[in-house]
Amino acid sequence: MLVLLGVLLVLVGLVVWLAGDKFSWFGHLPGDIRIERKNMRFYAPIASMLLLSILFSLLLWLFRKFF
């Protein structure tokens, strides 16, 4: 199971690496908080993480339904 998760993680990383320019909108959604000052940077990707959470929940639900 651990090896399978590792292979899946490598595949996801490879897809993001090869198609990285297609995901440039990710992290710049309207609900993401970005504050840049002279001495500080703060970034809280709230909307992006909500989108990922919904996507992973849907994938896990589909996985459980069919397996």
Protein backbone atom coordinates (compact mmCIF):
# COMPACT_ATOMS: atom_id res chain seq x y z
CA MET A 1 0.00 0.00 0.00
CA LEU A 2 2.83 2.39 0.87
CA VAL A 3 4.64 1.65 -2.39
CA LEU A 4 1.40 2.22 -4.31
CA LEU A 5 0.93 5.60 -2.64
CA GLY A 6 4.54 6.49 -3.47
CA VAL A 7 4.05 5.61 -7.13
CA LEU A 8 0.84 7.63 -7.21
CA LEU A 9 2.63 10.60 -5.67
CA VAL A 10 5.40 10.36 -8.27
CA LEU A 11 2.83 10.24 -11.07
CA VAL A 12 1.02 13.30 -9.75
CA GLY A 13 4.33 15.13 -9.44
CA LEU A 14 5.25 14.19 -13.00
CA VAL A 15 1.92 15.48 -14.34
CA VAL A 16 2.32 18.76 -12.47
CA TRP A 17 5.91 19.10 -13.68
CA LEU A 18 5.09 18.41 -17.32
CA ALA A 19 1.88 20.45 -17.43
CA GLY A 20 2.89 23.14 -14.93
CA ASP A 21 2.11 26.02 -17.27
CA LYS A 22 -1.48 24.80 -17.60
CA PHE A 23 -1.98 25.13 -13.81
CA SER A 24 -0.72 28.71 -13.48
CA TRP A 25 -4.21 29.82 -12.33
CA PHE A 26 -3.94 27.55 -9.30
CA GLY A 27 -2.87 29.57 -6.29
CA HIS A 28 -4.24 32.79 -7.74
CA LEU A 29 -7.94 32.19 -7.15
CA PRO A 30 -10.17 34.99 -5.77
CA GLY A 31 -10.25 33.53 -2.24
CA ASP A 32 -6.47 33.18 -1.87
CA ILE A 33 -4.95 35.72 0.52
CA ARG A 34 -1.67 37.30 -0.52
CA ILE A 35 -0.03 40.12 1.44
CA GLU A 36 3.33 41.47 0.32
CA ARG A 37 5.11 44.14 2.32
CA LYS A 38 8.64 45.44 2.22
CA ASN A 39 9.95 43.02 4.89
CA MET A 40 7.29 40.31 4.84
CA ARG A 41 5.31 38.02 2.57
CA PHE A 42 2.20 36.15 3.66
CA TYR A 43 0.29 33.73 1.49
CA ALA A 44 -2.77 31.71 2.52
CA PRO A 45 -4.25 29.69 -0.39
CA ILE A 46 -7.68 29.22 1.17
CA ALA A 47 -9.74 28.91 -2.04
CA SER A 48 -7.15 26.68 -3.71
CA MET A 49 -7.09 24.29 -0.74
CA LEU A 50 -10.90 24.18 -0.63
CA LEU A 51 -10.92 23.27 -4.31
CA LEU A 52 -8.36 20.51 -3.71
CA SER A 53 -10.32 19.22 -0.73
CA ILE A 54 -13.52 18.98 -2.78
CA LEU A 55 -11.67 17.26 -5.62
CA PHE A 56 -10.00 14.69 -3.34
CA SER A 57 -13.26 14.05 -1.48
CA LEU A 58 -15.01 13.39 -4.78
CA LEU A 59 -12.23 11.06 -5.94
CA LEU A 60 -12.26 9.12 -2.67
CA TRP A 61 -16.06 8.84 -2.81
CA LEU A 62 -15.87 7.47 -6.36
CA PHE A 63 -13.09 5.06 -5.36
CA ARG A 64 -15.13 3.73 -2.41
CA LYS A 65 -18.26 3.43 -4.53
CA PHE A 66 -16.63 1.29 -7.20
CA PHE A 67 -14.18 -0.70 -5.07
